[in-house]
Amino acid sequence: MAEERRFRSASGAPIALRRRQHSASCRELAVRGPRLQLRSLSAATSAVWLAAYGLFALSENSMVLSAAIFITLIGLIIYLHFVKIDQESLLVIGSLGIQVTSSYASGKESTTFIEMGQVKDVVINEAIHMQKVIYYLCILLQDPEDPQGVSEVVPLFQSSQPRLDCLIEVYKNCQEILEQRKTAPQSS
């Protein structure tokens, strides 16, 4: 069963939250940002090539045009493969752990897995950025030496930056599974 809701990012861009419940203790939450716009990509490419043509007209050196084409193509490949993230997902499995996946525009995926034994909590934190408050979801990892301490904070959805209403939805889903995990050993 999957459901999708529309939200906005911190910058006001439209994003979508897709929630899929695989079982009572397994949920997948994916935030999909706006797709790459061909119009903006074409405008940037045209601007670089027009500037290169202007330099070519002044210098009459064909290397300027070749360099512009080469730099544009390399820049586009780097942007699609390392920068532009289309979707960020969180797979929470109560008995195993949390898998965080980022899917890039080129199709590349980056995945991190955190064992449930390392997870202390999932919280919504706030930060001040450029004269405004931004909320973000993060996983607190338990300090192995101090059970009450936190060894690391792992921020989630850094690329899509959903607003608080979307983060609350994700937070509630994560907390439901974490609560099941905390009460399961006590009931058996």
N, C-alpha and C. Protein backbone atom coordinates (compact mmCIF):
# COMPACT_ATOMS: atom_id res chain seq x y z
N MET A 1 0.84 -1.17 0.00
CA MET A 1 0.00 0.00 0.00
C MET A 1 0.89 1.24 0.00
N ALA A 2 0.71 2.10 -1.00
CA ALA A 2 1.52 3.31 -1.11
C ALA A 2 0.60 4.52 -1.23
N GLU A 3 1.00 5.58 -0.57
CA GLU A 3 0.26 6.83 -0.69
C GLU A 3 1.26 7.96 -0.91
N GLU A 4 0.82 8.98 -1.65
CA GLU A 4 1.69 10.09 -1.96
C GLU A 4 1.00 11.40 -1.61
N ARG A 5 1.76 12.28 -0.95
CA ARG A 5 1.24 13.60 -0.57
C ARG A 5 2.19 14.66 -1.08
N ARG A 6 1.65 15.81 -1.41
CA ARG A 6 2.43 16.94 -1.92
C ARG A 6 2.77 17.91 -0.79
N PHE A 7 4.01 18.36 -0.78
CA PHE A 7 4.49 19.34 0.19
C PHE A 7 5.35 20.36 -0.54
N ARG A 8 6.00 21.21 0.24
CA ARG A 8 6.94 22.19 -0.30
C ARG A 8 8.26 22.06 0.45
N SER A 9 9.34 22.40 -0.24
CA SER A 9 10.66 22.40 0.41
C SER A 9 10.86 23.73 1.12
N ALA A 10 11.96 23.86 1.84
CA ALA A 10 12.27 25.09 2.55
C ALA A 10 12.41 26.27 1.60
N SER A 11 12.80 26.00 0.35
CA SER A 11 12.93 27.07 -0.64
C SER A 11 11.63 27.34 -1.39
N GLY A 12 10.58 26.54 -1.12
CA GLY A 12 9.28 26.74 -1.76
C GLY A 12 9.05 25.86 -2.97
N ALA A 13 10.01 25.03 -3.35
CA ALA A 13 9.86 24.13 -4.50
C ALA A 13 8.90 23.00 -4.14
N PRO A 14 8.10 22.54 -5.10
CA PRO A 14 7.19 21.42 -4.81
C PRO A 14 7.95 20.11 -4.66
N ILE A 15 7.59 19.34 -3.64
CA ILE A 15 8.16 18.01 -3.41
C ILE A 15 7.01 17.06 -3.12
N ALA A 16 7.28 15.78 -3.23
CA ALA A 16 6.27 14.76 -2.95
C ALA A 16 6.82 13.76 -1.95
N LEU A 17 6.00 13.40 -0.97
CA LEU A 17 6.36 12.37 0.00
C LEU A 17 5.55 11.13 -0.32
N ARG A 18 6.26 10.04 -0.63
CA ARG A 18 5.60 8.76 -0.90
C ARG A 18 5.87 7.85 0.29
N ARG A 19 4.77 7.34 0.86
CA ARG A 19 4.88 6.45 2.01
C ARG A 19 4.37 5.08 1.59
N ARG A 20 5.21 4.08 1.80
CA ARG A 20 4.85 2.71 1.46
C ARG A 20 5.06 1.85 2.69
N GLN A 21 4.01 1.17 3.12
CA GLN A 21 4.11 0.30 4.29
C GLN A 21 4.21 -1.14 3.82
N HIS A 22 5.38 -1.74 4.04
CA HIS A 22 5.61 -3.12 3.61
C HIS A 22 5.05 -4.11 4.63
N SER A 23 5.18 -3.76 5.92
CA SER A 23 4.60 -4.58 6.99
C SER A 23 4.41 -3.65 8.20
N ALA A 24 3.99 -4.22 9.32
CA ALA A 24 3.76 -3.39 10.51
C ALA A 24 5.05 -2.76 11.02
N SER A 25 6.17 -3.42 10.81
CA SER A 25 7.44 -2.89 11.31
C SER A 25 8.40 -2.49 10.20
N CYS A 26 7.88 -2.25 9.00
CA CYS A 26 8.73 -1.87 7.86
C CYS A 26 8.01 -0.83 7.01
N ARG A 27 8.60 0.37 6.93
CA ARG A 27 8.04 1.45 6.12
C ARG A 27 9.12 2.10 5.29
N GLU A 28 8.71 2.51 4.10
CA GLU A 28 9.61 3.25 3.22
C GLU A 28 9.01 4.63 3.00
N LEU A 29 9.83 5.65 3.25
CA LEU A 29 9.41 7.03 3.09
C LEU A 29 10.37 7.70 2.10
N ALA A 30 9.83 8.17 0.98
CA ALA A 30 10.67 8.75 -0.06
C ALA A 30 10.22 10.17 -0.37
N VAL A 31 11.17 11.08 -0.40
CA VAL A 31 10.90 12.47 -0.76
C VAL A 31 11.50 12.70 -2.15
N ARG A 32 10.63 13.06 -3.08
CA ARG A 32 11.05 13.30 -4.45
C ARG A 32 11.01 14.79 -4.71
N GLY A 33 12.15 15.33 -5.11
CA GLY A 33 12.26 16.74 -5.43
C GLY A 33 11.84 17.01 -6.86
N PRO A 34 11.87 18.26 -7.27
CA PRO A 34 11.51 18.58 -8.65
C PRO A 34 12.51 17.99 -9.64
N ARG A 35 12.02 17.55 -10.76
CA ARG A 35 12.86 16.98 -11.81
C ARG A 35 13.70 18.08 -12.45
N LEU A 36 14.75 17.66 -13.11
CA LEU A 36 15.62 18.58 -13.83
C LEU A 36 14.82 19.21 -14.97
N GLN A 37 14.81 20.52 -15.03
CA GLN A 37 14.06 21.24 -16.06
C GLN A 37 14.92 21.41 -17.31
N LEU A 38 14.43 20.92 -18.42
CA LEU A 38 15.16 21.03 -19.69
C LEU A 38 15.32 22.50 -20.09
N ARG A 39 14.34 23.32 -19.74
CA ARG A 39 14.39 24.74 -20.09
C ARG A 39 15.58 25.43 -19.42
N SER A 40 15.77 25.22 -18.13
CA SER A 40 16.88 25.86 -17.42
C SER A 40 18.23 25.30 -17.88
N LEU A 41 18.26 24.00 -18.16
CA LEU A 41 19.48 23.38 -18.66
C LEU A 41 19.85 23.94 -20.03
N SER A 42 18.87 24.09 -20.90
CA SER A 42 19.10 24.65 -22.23
C SER A 42 19.55 26.10 -22.15
N ALA A 43 18.95 26.86 -21.25
CA ALA A 43 19.32 28.27 -21.10
C ALA A 43 20.77 28.42 -20.63
N ALA A 44 21.18 27.60 -19.66
CA ALA A 44 22.55 27.67 -19.16
C ALA A 44 23.55 27.26 -20.25
N THR A 45 23.23 26.19 -20.97
CA THR A 45 24.11 25.74 -22.05
C THR A 45 24.22 26.79 -23.15
N SER A 46 23.10 27.37 -23.52
CA SER A 46 23.10 28.41 -24.57
C SER A 46 23.90 29.62 -24.14
N ALA A 47 23.77 30.02 -22.88
CA ALA A 47 24.52 31.19 -22.39
C ALA A 47 26.03 30.94 -22.46
N VAL A 48 26.47 29.76 -22.06
CA VAL A 48 27.90 29.43 -22.12
C VAL A 48 28.37 29.41 -23.57
N TRP A 49 27.59 28.80 -24.44
CA TRP A 49 28.01 28.69 -25.84
C TRP A 49 27.98 30.04 -26.55
N LEU A 50 27.02 30.92 -26.21
CA LEU A 50 26.99 32.25 -26.81
C LEU A 50 28.19 33.08 -26.35
N ALA A 51 28.54 32.97 -25.06
CA ALA A 51 29.72 33.68 -24.55
C ALA A 51 30.98 33.15 -25.25
N ALA A 52 31.04 31.84 -25.45
CA ALA A 52 32.20 31.26 -26.15
C ALA A 52 32.25 31.73 -27.60
N TYR A 53 31.09 31.83 -28.24
CA TYR A 53 31.07 32.30 -29.63
C TYR A 53 31.51 33.76 -29.70
N GLY A 54 31.11 34.57 -28.70
CA GLY A 54 31.56 35.96 -28.65
C GLY A 54 33.07 36.05 -28.51
N LEU A 55 33.65 35.21 -27.65
CA LEU A 55 35.11 35.18 -27.51
C LEU A 55 35.78 34.67 -28.78
N PHE A 56 35.14 33.71 -29.43
CA PHE A 56 35.68 33.20 -30.70
C PHE A 56 35.68 34.30 -31.76
N ALA A 57 34.60 35.07 -31.83
CA ALA A 57 34.52 36.16 -32.82
C ALA A 57 35.61 37.20 -32.58
N LEU A 58 35.93 37.45 -31.30
CA LEU A 58 36.98 38.43 -30.98
C LEU A 58 38.38 37.88 -31.23
N SER A 59 38.61 36.63 -30.84
CA SER A 59 39.96 36.08 -30.91
C SER A 59 40.23 35.26 -32.17
N GLU A 60 39.19 34.83 -32.84
CA GLU A 60 39.28 33.97 -34.04
C GLU A 60 40.10 32.71 -33.76
N ASN A 61 39.93 32.16 -32.55
CA ASN A 61 40.62 30.95 -32.14
C ASN A 61 39.56 29.86 -31.92
N SER A 62 39.60 28.81 -32.74
CA SER A 62 38.57 27.76 -32.65
C SER A 62 38.67 26.95 -31.36
N MET A 63 39.78 27.04 -30.66
CA MET A 63 39.93 26.32 -29.39
C MET A 63 38.94 26.83 -28.35
N VAL A 64 38.53 28.09 -28.48
CA VAL A 64 37.56 28.66 -27.53
C VAL A 64 36.24 27.91 -27.63
N LEU A 65 35.77 27.66 -28.86
CA LEU A 65 34.51 26.92 -29.04
C LEU A 65 34.64 25.47 -28.57
N SER A 66 35.75 24.84 -28.89
CA SER A 66 35.96 23.46 -28.46
C SER A 66 36.01 23.36 -26.94
N ALA A 67 36.69 24.31 -26.30
CA ALA A 67 36.78 24.31 -24.84
C ALA A 67 35.41 24.54 -24.22
N ALA A 68 34.59 25.42 -24.80
CA ALA A 68 33.26 25.68 -24.25
C ALA A 68 32.38 24.44 -24.32
N ILE A 69 32.43 23.74 -25.45
CA ILE A 69 31.63 22.52 -25.60
C ILE A 69 32.12 21.46 -24.61
N PHE A 70 33.42 21.29 -24.51
CA PHE A 70 34.00 20.30 -23.61
C PHE A 70 33.66 20.62 -22.15
N ILE A 71 33.82 21.86 -21.73
CA ILE A 71 33.54 22.26 -20.34
C ILE A 71 32.06 22.10 -20.02
N THR A 72 31.19 22.45 -20.97
CA THR A 72 29.75 22.31 -20.75
C THR A 72 29.37 20.84 -20.56
N LEU A 73 29.88 19.98 -21.41
CA LEU A 73 29.54 18.56 -21.31
C LEU A 73 30.08 17.93 -20.02
N ILE A 74 31.32 18.25 -19.68
CA ILE A 74 31.90 17.72 -18.43
C ILE A 74 31.13 18.26 -17.22
N GLY A 75 30.80 19.54 -17.25
CA GLY A 75 30.03 20.14 -16.16
C GLY A 75 28.66 19.48 -16.00
N LEU A 76 28.01 19.20 -17.12
CA LEU A 76 26.70 18.55 -17.08
C LEU A 76 26.79 17.14 -16.50
N ILE A 77 27.80 16.41 -16.91
CA ILE A 77 27.98 15.05 -16.39
C ILE A 77 28.24 15.09 -14.88
N ILE A 78 29.10 15.99 -14.44
CA ILE A 78 29.38 16.11 -13.00
C ILE A 78 28.12 16.51 -12.24
N TYR A 79 27.36 17.45 -12.77
CA TYR A 79 26.14 17.90 -12.11
C TYR A 79 25.13 16.76 -11.97
N LEU A 80 24.90 16.02 -13.04
CA LEU A 80 23.92 14.94 -13.01
C LEU A 80 24.36 13.76 -12.15
N HIS A 81 25.66 13.51 -12.10
CA HIS A 81 26.15 12.32 -11.41
C HIS A 81 26.50 12.55 -9.94
N PHE A 82 26.85 13.79 -9.57
CA PHE A 82 27.30 14.04 -8.20
C PHE A 82 26.50 15.08 -7.43
N VAL A 83 25.68 15.89 -8.11
CA VAL A 83 25.02 17.01 -7.43
C VAL A 83 23.50 16.87 -7.40
N LYS A 84 22.85 16.69 -8.54
CA LYS A 84 21.39 16.72 -8.63
C LYS A 84 20.79 15.42 -8.11
N ILE A 85 20.16 15.53 -6.94
CA ILE A 85 19.49 14.37 -6.33
C ILE A 85 18.00 14.47 -6.62
N ASP A 86 17.45 13.42 -7.25
CA ASP A 86 16.03 13.38 -7.58
C ASP A 86 15.18 12.90 -6.41
N GLN A 87 15.69 11.93 -5.66
CA GLN A 87 14.89 11.34 -4.59
C GLN A 87 15.77 10.91 -3.44
N GLU A 88 15.26 11.14 -2.23
CA GLU A 88 15.91 10.66 -1.01
C GLU A 88 14.90 9.78 -0.29
N SER A 89 15.33 8.58 0.08
CA SER A 89 14.39 7.67 0.73
C SER A 89 14.96 7.12 2.03
N LEU A 90 14.02 6.72 2.86
CA LEU A 90 14.33 6.19 4.18
C LEU A 90 13.54 4.90 4.33
N LEU A 91 14.23 3.79 4.49
CA LEU A 91 13.58 2.50 4.70
C LEU A 91 13.84 2.11 6.15
N VAL A 92 12.77 2.07 6.94
CA VAL A 92 12.89 1.79 8.37
C VAL A 92 12.36 0.38 8.62
N ILE A 93 13.25 -0.51 9.05
CA ILE A 93 12.88 -1.89 9.36
C ILE A 93 13.15 -2.08 10.84
N GLY A 94 12.09 -2.26 11.62
CA GLY A 94 12.18 -2.30 13.07
C GLY A 94 13.18 -3.30 13.63
N SER A 95 13.30 -4.46 13.02
CA SER A 95 14.19 -5.49 13.56
C SER A 95 15.61 -5.41 13.01
N LEU A 96 15.82 -4.64 11.94
CA LEU A 96 17.14 -4.59 11.31
C LEU A 96 17.83 -3.25 11.44
N GLY A 97 17.20 -2.21 10.91
CA GLY A 97 17.84 -0.90 10.93
C GLY A 97 17.19 0.07 9.97
N ILE A 98 17.93 1.11 9.65
CA ILE A 98 17.44 2.18 8.78
C ILE A 98 18.39 2.30 7.59
N GLN A 99 17.79 2.27 6.40
CA GLN A 99 18.57 2.43 5.17
C GLN A 99 18.23 3.79 4.57
N VAL A 100 19.25 4.60 4.32
CA VAL A 100 19.10 5.92 3.73
C VAL A 100 19.66 5.86 2.31
N THR A 101 18.84 6.23 1.32
CA THR A 101 19.25 6.15 -0.09
C THR A 101 19.02 7.49 -0.78
N SER A 102 20.02 7.92 -1.54
CA SER A 102 19.90 9.12 -2.38
C SER A 102 20.03 8.67 -3.82
N SER A 103 19.03 9.04 -4.66
CA SER A 103 19.05 8.69 -6.08
C SER A 103 19.35 9.95 -6.89
N TYR A 104 20.44 9.90 -7.64
CA TYR A 104 20.88 11.04 -8.44
C TYR A 104 20.19 11.05 -9.80
N ALA A 105 20.24 12.19 -10.48
CA ALA A 105 19.60 12.36 -11.78
C ALA A 105 20.19 11.43 -12.84
N SER A 106 21.44 11.04 -12.66
CA SER A 106 22.10 10.16 -13.63
C SER A 106 21.70 8.70 -13.45
N GLY A 107 21.02 8.39 -12.35
CA GLY A 107 20.65 7.01 -12.05
C GLY A 107 21.50 6.40 -10.96
N LYS A 108 22.58 7.06 -10.60
CA LYS A 108 23.46 6.57 -9.52
C LYS A 108 22.71 6.64 -8.19
N GLU A 109 22.96 5.66 -7.34
CA GLU A 109 22.36 5.65 -6.01
C GLU A 109 23.45 5.55 -4.95
N SER A 110 23.24 6.25 -3.86
CA SER A 110 24.15 6.21 -2.72
C SER A 110 23.34 5.72 -1.52
N THR A 111 23.79 4.64 -0.90
CA THR A 111 23.03 4.01 0.18
C THR A 111 23.88 3.89 1.44
N THR A 112 23.26 4.20 2.57
CA THR A 112 23.89 4.04 3.88
C THR A 112 22.94 3.22 4.75
N PHE A 113 23.50 2.25 5.48
CA PHE A 113 22.67 1.44 6.38
C PHE A 113 23.14 1.65 7.81
N ILE A 114 22.17 1.87 8.69
CA ILE A 114 22.46 2.06 10.12
C ILE A 114 21.73 0.96 10.88
N GLU A 115 22.47 0.16 11.62
CA GLU A 115 21.86 -0.93 12.40
C GLU A 115 20.97 -0.34 13.49
N MET A 116 19.87 -1.02 13.76
CA MET A 116 18.91 -0.53 14.74
C MET A 116 19.52 -0.44 16.14
N GLY A 117 20.50 -1.29 16.43
CA GLY A 117 21.16 -1.23 17.73
C GLY A 117 21.94 0.06 17.94
N GLN A 118 22.32 0.71 16.86
CA GLN A 118 23.05 1.98 16.95
C GLN A 118 22.12 3.18 17.06
N VAL A 119 20.85 3.02 16.71
CA VAL A 119 19.91 4.13 16.68
C VAL A 119 19.40 4.44 18.08
N LYS A 120 19.66 5.64 18.54
CA LYS A 120 19.14 6.08 19.83
C LYS A 120 17.75 6.67 19.64
N ASP A 121 17.60 7.53 18.61
CA ASP A 121 16.31 8.17 18.35
C ASP A 121 16.34 8.85 16.99
N VAL A 122 15.16 9.20 16.51
CA VAL A 122 14.99 10.03 15.32
C VAL A 122 14.31 11.30 15.80
N VAL A 123 14.90 12.45 15.50
CA VAL A 123 14.37 13.72 16.00
C VAL A 123 14.30 14.76 14.88
N ILE A 124 13.47 15.78 15.13
CA ILE A 124 13.45 16.95 14.26
C ILE A 124 14.26 18.01 14.96
N ASN A 125 15.25 18.52 14.27
CA ASN A 125 16.13 19.54 14.82
C ASN A 125 15.91 20.83 14.05
N GLU A 126 16.42 21.92 14.57
CA GLU A 126 16.28 23.19 13.88
C GLU A 126 17.64 23.87 13.78
N ALA A 127 17.78 24.64 12.73
CA ALA A 127 19.02 25.38 12.50
C ALA A 127 18.67 26.76 11.96
N ILE A 128 19.52 27.72 12.23
CA ILE A 128 19.32 29.06 11.69
C ILE A 128 20.21 29.18 10.47
N HIS A 129 19.60 29.52 9.34
CA HIS A 129 20.33 29.62 8.09
C HIS A 129 19.85 30.86 7.32
N MET A 130 20.75 31.79 7.10
CA MET A 130 20.43 33.00 6.34
C MET A 130 19.18 33.71 6.89
N GLN A 131 19.16 33.97 8.15
CA GLN A 131 18.11 34.73 8.85
C GLN A 131 16.75 34.03 8.85
N LYS A 132 16.74 32.72 8.72
CA LYS A 132 15.49 31.98 8.88
C LYS A 132 15.77 30.65 9.55
N VAL A 133 14.76 30.10 10.17
CA VAL A 133 14.87 28.83 10.87
C VAL A 133 14.50 27.72 9.90
N ILE A 134 15.38 26.74 9.79
CA ILE A 134 15.14 25.57 8.94
C ILE A 134 15.10 24.34 9.83
N TYR A 135 14.10 23.51 9.61
CA TYR A 135 13.96 22.27 10.36
C TYR A 135 14.50 21.12 9.52
N TYR A 136 15.11 20.15 10.19
CA TYR A 136 15.60 18.96 9.49
C TYR A 136 15.46 17.75 10.39
N LEU A 137 15.32 16.61 9.75
CA LEU A 137 15.19 15.34 10.46
C LEU A 137 16.57 14.72 10.59
N CYS A 138 16.84 14.13 11.73
CA CYS A 138 18.15 13.48 11.89
C CYS A 138 18.03 12.25 12.78
N ILE A 139 18.97 11.36 12.59
CA ILE A 139 19.07 10.13 13.39
C ILE A 139 20.17 10.35 14.41
N LEU A 140 19.87 10.10 15.66
CA LEU A 140 20.87 10.18 16.73
C LEU A 140 21.42 8.78 16.94
N LEU A 141 22.74 8.65 16.81
CA LEU A 141 23.39 7.35 17.02
C LEU A 141 23.88 7.25 18.45
N GLN A 142 23.64 6.10 19.05
CA GLN A 142 23.99 5.86 20.44
C GLN A 142 25.50 5.73 20.60
N ASP A 143 26.01 6.36 21.64
CA ASP A 143 27.43 6.28 21.96
C ASP A 143 27.70 4.91 22.59
N PRO A 144 28.60 4.09 22.02
CA PRO A 144 28.83 2.75 22.58
C PRO A 144 29.42 2.77 23.99
N GLU A 145 30.13 3.85 24.34
CA GLU A 145 30.74 3.93 25.67
C GLU A 145 29.79 4.49 26.72
N ASP A 146 28.83 5.33 26.28
CA ASP A 146 27.88 5.96 27.20
C ASP A 146 26.47 5.75 26.65
N PRO A 147 25.68 4.82 27.22
CA PRO A 147 24.34 4.52 26.70
C PRO A 147 23.40 5.73 26.68
N GLN A 148 23.64 6.71 27.52
CA GLN A 148 22.80 7.91 27.54
C GLN A 148 23.27 8.96 26.55
N GLY A 149 24.48 8.80 26.02
CA GLY A 149 25.07 9.80 25.13
C GLY A 149 24.79 9.55 23.66
N VAL A 150 25.11 10.56 22.88
CA VAL A 150 24.95 10.49 21.43
C VAL A 150 26.33 10.61 20.80
N SER A 151 26.68 9.65 19.95
CA SER A 151 28.01 9.68 19.33
C SER A 151 28.02 10.45 18.01
N GLU A 152 26.89 10.45 17.31
CA GLU A 152 26.85 11.10 15.99
C GLU A 152 25.41 11.49 15.66
N VAL A 153 25.28 12.56 14.88
CA VAL A 153 23.99 13.01 14.38
C VAL A 153 24.02 12.86 12.86
N VAL A 154 23.09 12.08 12.30
CA VAL A 154 23.04 11.84 10.86
C VAL A 154 21.84 12.60 10.29
N PRO A 155 22.08 13.72 9.58
CA PRO A 155 20.94 14.46 9.00
C PRO A 155 20.37 13.73 7.80
N LEU A 156 19.05 13.85 7.63
CA LEU A 156 18.34 13.20 6.53
C LEU A 156 17.72 14.25 5.61
N PHE A 157 17.47 13.88 4.38
CA PHE A 157 16.81 14.73 3.39
C PHE A 157 17.51 16.08 3.23
N GLN A 158 18.84 16.05 3.12
CA GLN A 158 19.61 17.29 3.01
C GLN A 158 19.41 17.97 1.66
N SER A 159 19.16 17.23 0.63
CA SER A 159 19.00 17.83 -0.70
C SER A 159 17.60 18.41 -0.88
N SER A 160 16.58 17.66 -0.53
CA SER A 160 15.20 18.11 -0.74
C SER A 160 14.74 19.14 0.29
N GLN A 161 15.30 19.13 1.47
CA GLN A 161 14.99 20.06 2.55
C GLN A 161 13.48 20.30 2.72
N PRO A 162 12.72 19.27 3.09
CA PRO A 162 11.27 19.46 3.26
C PRO A 162 10.95 20.39 4.42
N ARG A 163 9.79 21.03 4.33
CA ARG A 163 9.34 21.90 5.41
C ARG A 163 8.85 21.06 6.58
N LEU A 164 8.53 21.75 7.66
CA LEU A 164 8.20 21.09 8.92
C LEU A 164 7.01 20.14 8.80
N ASP A 165 5.97 20.51 8.04
CA ASP A 165 4.79 19.64 7.94
C ASP A 165 5.13 18.27 7.34
N CYS A 166 6.02 18.24 6.37
CA CYS A 166 6.46 16.98 5.77
C CYS A 166 7.35 16.21 6.75
N LEU A 167 8.23 16.92 7.44
CA LEU A 167 9.12 16.27 8.40
C LEU A 167 8.33 15.63 9.55
N ILE A 168 7.26 16.28 9.97
CA ILE A 168 6.42 15.72 11.04
C ILE A 168 5.80 14.41 10.59
N GLU A 169 5.37 14.35 9.35
CA GLU A 169 4.79 13.11 8.80
C GLU A 169 5.82 11.97 8.82
N VAL A 170 7.04 12.26 8.38
CA VAL A 170 8.10 11.25 8.37
C VAL A 170 8.47 10.87 9.81
N TYR A 171 8.57 11.86 10.67
CA TYR A 171 8.92 11.64 12.07
C TYR A 171 7.91 10.69 12.75
N LYS A 172 6.64 10.94 12.55
CA LYS A 172 5.61 10.09 13.17
C LYS A 172 5.73 8.65 12.70
N ASN A 173 5.98 8.44 11.42
CA ASN A 173 6.13 7.09 10.90
C ASN A 173 7.35 6.39 11.49
N CYS A 174 8.45 7.11 11.61
CA CYS A 174 9.66 6.54 12.21
C CYS A 174 9.43 6.21 13.69
N GLN A 175 8.78 7.11 14.40
CA GLN A 175 8.55 6.90 15.83
C GLN A 175 7.63 5.71 16.09
N GLU A 176 6.65 5.48 15.23
CA GLU A 176 5.77 4.32 15.39
C GLU A 176 6.58 3.02 15.37
N ILE A 177 7.52 2.93 14.44
CA ILE A 177 8.34 1.72 14.34
C ILE A 177 9.32 1.64 15.50
N LEU A 178 9.91 2.76 15.88
CA LEU A 178 10.85 2.75 17.02
C LEU A 178 10.12 2.38 18.32
N GLU A 179 8.89 2.84 18.49
CA GLU A 179 8.11 2.48 19.68
C GLU A 179 7.80 0.99 19.69
N GLN A 180 7.48 0.41 18.53
CA GLN A 180 7.23 -1.04 18.45
C GLN A 180 8.46 -1.80 18.88
N ARG A 181 9.62 -1.30 18.47
CA ARG A 181 10.88 -1.95 18.81
C ARG A 181 11.15 -1.89 20.31
N LYS A 182 10.82 -0.76 20.92
CA LYS A 182 11.07 -0.59 22.37
C LYS A 182 10.13 -1.44 23.20
N THR A 183 8.88 -1.60 22.74
CA THR A 183 7.90 -2.36 23.52
C THR A 183 7.94 -3.86 23.21
N ALA A 184 8.50 -4.27 22.07
CA ALA A 184 8.51 -5.69 21.69
C ALA A 184 9.27 -6.57 22.68
N PRO A 185 10.49 -6.21 23.12
CA PRO A 185 11.19 -7.09 24.06
C PRO A 185 10.48 -7.21 25.41
N GLN A 186 9.76 -6.16 25.81
CA GLN A 186 9.09 -6.19 27.11
C GLN A 186 7.87 -7.09 27.10
N SER A 187 7.17 -7.19 25.94
CA SER A 187 5.95 -7.99 25.89
C SER A 187 6.21 -9.48 25.74
N SER A 188 7.40 -9.88 25.31
CA SER A 188 7.67 -11.32 25.11
C SER A 188 8.25 -11.97 26.32
